[in-house]
Amino acid sequence: MAVGTYYRNDPKAPRPNSPTRIGTNVLLEWEGKLLLEQRWDCGFWGLPGGRLRKGEDYAVGISRELREEAGIFLPPNAFRQIKVCDDDRIAAYADGTVWRMIIVLFHAVLTAEPRLKSSKESQSLRFFSKEELDGITIVTTHEDLVEYWKQLAE
């Protein structure tokens, strides 16, 4: 059973009852493939990242999240901010908490194969080619970001 349900620009989404949260995600590439994590809260695939801590710099936040979720350490200056997604992205949880998210999207390219280490937030981690992405379910709030990566990779 899913702990979280996600919505993007969906008029049927529940109304937020918690403050808007700013988070970071990364389009992390290795050998032309994109890193995704299978999320523990819904079972769908999504980009590594998460919410910022109070007062945390965006690049510091994505560096921390990538280290926590995938065991990959990249310094904050390895990330290039490419987009801010301030549309209607909603996360609704089984405990009744509903919040709107703003995503600061980064891009980074690895020069060596990383040793991936899943955290408690990930069922698994894997790099996907563009073609492999068509066969998986991506969390709604990241579908457009993955499509954006496909266009960047062309």
Protein backbone atom coordinates (compact mmCIF):
# COMPACT_ATOMS: atom_id res chain seq x y z
CA MET A 1 0.00 0.00 0.00
CA ALA A 2 1.35 3.43 -0.97
CA VAL A 3 2.30 5.80 1.81
CA GLY A 4 2.34 8.75 -0.57
CA THR A 5 0.32 9.83 -3.58
CA TYR A 6 1.60 12.50 -5.94
CA TYR A 7 -0.15 14.93 -8.28
CA ARG A 8 0.99 17.39 -10.91
CA ASN A 9 -1.36 20.07 -12.22
CA ASP A 10 -4.30 17.86 -11.28
CA PRO A 11 -7.58 19.57 -10.32
CA LYS A 12 -8.52 16.42 -8.35
CA ALA A 13 -5.48 16.76 -6.07
CA PRO A 14 -6.27 17.31 -2.39
CA ARG A 15 -5.86 20.81 -1.03
CA PRO A 16 -2.58 21.39 0.87
CA ASN A 17 -2.90 21.53 4.66
CA SER A 18 0.81 22.00 5.35
CA PRO A 19 3.29 24.70 4.27
CA THR A 20 4.78 24.62 0.77
CA ARG A 21 8.13 22.85 0.76
CA ILE A 22 11.15 23.55 -1.41
CA GLY A 23 13.10 20.53 -2.53
CA THR A 24 15.90 19.66 -4.89
CA ASN A 25 16.24 16.91 -7.47
CA VAL A 26 19.06 15.99 -9.81
CA LEU A 27 19.35 14.70 -13.33
CA LEU A 28 22.48 12.65 -12.63
CA GLU A 29 24.10 11.03 -15.65
CA TRP A 30 26.68 8.34 -16.09
CA GLU A 31 27.58 7.08 -19.55
CA GLY A 32 24.48 8.68 -21.07
CA LYS A 33 22.11 7.09 -18.56
CA LEU A 34 19.95 8.73 -15.89
CA LEU A 35 19.96 7.69 -12.22
CA LEU A 36 16.55 6.94 -10.74
CA GLU A 37 15.50 5.57 -7.40
CA GLN A 38 12.54 3.33 -6.79
CA ARG A 39 10.78 5.20 -4.02
CA TRP A 40 9.82 3.47 -0.78
CA ASP A 41 6.66 5.55 -0.33
CA CYS A 42 4.88 4.67 -3.59
CA GLY A 43 7.02 2.11 -5.45
CA PHE A 44 7.42 4.37 -8.50
CA TRP A 45 10.72 5.56 -9.93
CA GLY A 46 11.88 9.13 -9.36
CA LEU A 47 14.88 11.40 -9.33
CA PRO A 48 17.16 11.47 -6.30
CA GLY A 49 16.59 14.45 -4.08
CA GLY A 50 14.39 15.76 -1.35
CA ARG A 51 13.38 18.65 0.75
CA LEU A 52 15.77 21.31 1.92
CA ARG A 53 16.60 21.90 5.54
CA LYS A 54 15.81 25.33 6.96
CA GLY A 55 18.26 27.87 5.55
CA GLU A 56 20.08 25.27 3.43
CA ASP A 57 21.59 26.37 0.12
CA TYR A 58 20.06 24.58 -2.89
CA ALA A 59 23.34 23.07 -4.12
CA VAL A 60 24.31 21.99 -0.59
CA GLY A 61 20.89 20.39 -0.26
CA ILE A 62 21.16 18.30 -3.43
CA SER A 63 24.70 17.27 -2.52
CA ARG A 64 23.44 16.07 0.88
CA GLU A 65 20.37 14.33 -0.54
CA LEU A 66 22.40 12.45 -3.18
CA ARG A 67 24.85 11.28 -0.51
CA GLU A 68 22.01 10.19 1.80
CA GLU A 69 19.88 8.46 -0.85
CA ALA A 70 22.47 6.95 -3.18
CA GLY A 71 25.80 6.97 -1.34
CA ILE A 72 27.30 9.29 -3.98
CA PHE A 73 29.32 12.26 -2.81
CA LEU A 74 29.63 15.21 -5.14
CA PRO A 75 30.55 18.66 -3.86
CA PRO A 76 27.95 21.41 -4.27
CA ASN A 77 29.91 23.00 -7.13
CA ALA A 78 29.51 19.80 -9.22
CA PHE A 79 25.82 20.60 -9.71
CA ARG A 80 24.40 23.04 -12.24
CA GLN A 81 20.98 24.48 -11.44
CA ILE A 82 18.88 24.25 -14.59
CA LYS A 83 15.26 24.83 -13.67
CA VAL A 84 12.81 25.80 -10.93
CA CYS A 85 9.43 24.05 -11.06
CA ASP A 86 6.87 26.25 -9.35
CA ASP A 87 3.72 24.72 -10.79
CA ASP A 88 1.08 22.71 -8.93
CA ARG A 89 2.91 19.63 -7.55
CA ILE A 90 1.19 18.04 -4.58
CA ALA A 91 2.27 15.28 -2.19
CA ALA A 92 -0.44 13.60 -0.10
CA TYR A 93 0.46 11.11 2.62
CA ALA A 94 -1.50 8.38 4.40
CA ASP A 95 -1.33 10.32 7.68
CA GLY A 96 -3.39 13.13 6.10
CA THR A 97 -0.52 15.53 5.45
CA VAL A 98 -0.79 17.29 2.09
CA TRP A 99 1.77 19.78 0.84
CA ARG A 100 2.69 21.62 -2.32
CA MET A 101 6.26 21.30 -3.54
CA ILE A 102 8.58 23.59 -5.43
CA ILE A 103 11.44 21.72 -7.11
CA VAL A 104 14.86 23.20 -7.82
CA LEU A 105 16.30 20.95 -10.53
CA PHE A 106 20.02 20.34 -10.97
CA HIS A 107 22.14 18.49 -13.51
CA ALA A 108 25.47 16.69 -12.99
CA VAL A 109 27.54 14.19 -14.93
CA LEU A 110 29.65 11.49 -13.31
CA THR A 111 33.03 10.68 -14.83
CA ALA A 112 33.39 7.29 -13.14
CA GLU A 113 30.99 4.49 -12.32
CA PRO A 114 29.59 5.08 -8.84
CA ARG A 115 29.02 2.46 -6.20
CA LEU A 116 25.32 2.89 -5.50
CA LYS A 117 24.07 2.43 -1.96
CA SER A 118 20.31 2.53 -1.38
CA SER A 119 18.97 4.26 1.68
CA LYS A 120 15.77 3.59 3.62
CA GLU A 121 14.08 6.00 1.18
CA SER A 122 14.88 3.84 -1.85
CA GLN A 123 13.82 0.32 -2.73
CA SER A 124 16.53 0.32 -5.40
CA LEU A 125 18.75 2.56 -7.51
CA ARG A 126 19.56 2.18 -11.17
CA PHE A 127 20.83 4.05 -14.21
CA PHE A 128 18.41 3.98 -17.17
CA SER A 129 18.96 4.66 -20.86
CA LYS A 130 16.35 6.79 -22.65
CA GLU A 131 14.86 3.64 -24.18
CA GLU A 132 14.60 1.84 -20.83
CA LEU A 133 12.62 4.72 -19.32
CA ASP A 134 9.62 3.86 -21.47
CA GLY A 135 9.12 0.57 -19.61
CA ILE A 136 8.88 1.92 -16.05
CA THR A 137 6.41 3.95 -13.99
CA ILE A 138 7.78 7.33 -12.97
CA VAL A 139 6.27 9.31 -10.11
CA THR A 140 3.93 11.97 -11.51
CA THR A 141 5.85 14.90 -10.03
CA HIS A 142 9.01 13.80 -11.94
CA GLU A 143 7.59 12.66 -15.29
CA ASP A 144 8.14 16.04 -16.96
CA LEU A 145 11.63 16.32 -15.47
CA VAL A 146 12.64 12.96 -16.93
CA GLU A 147 11.20 14.06 -20.29
CA TYR A 148 13.24 17.26 -19.98
CA TRP A 149 16.37 15.11 -19.51
CA LYS A 150 15.54 13.09 -22.62
CA GLN A 151 15.51 16.32 -24.62
CA LEU A 152 18.79 17.48 -23.05
CA ALA A 153 20.39 14.14 -23.91
CA GLU A 154 19.57 14.44 -27.63
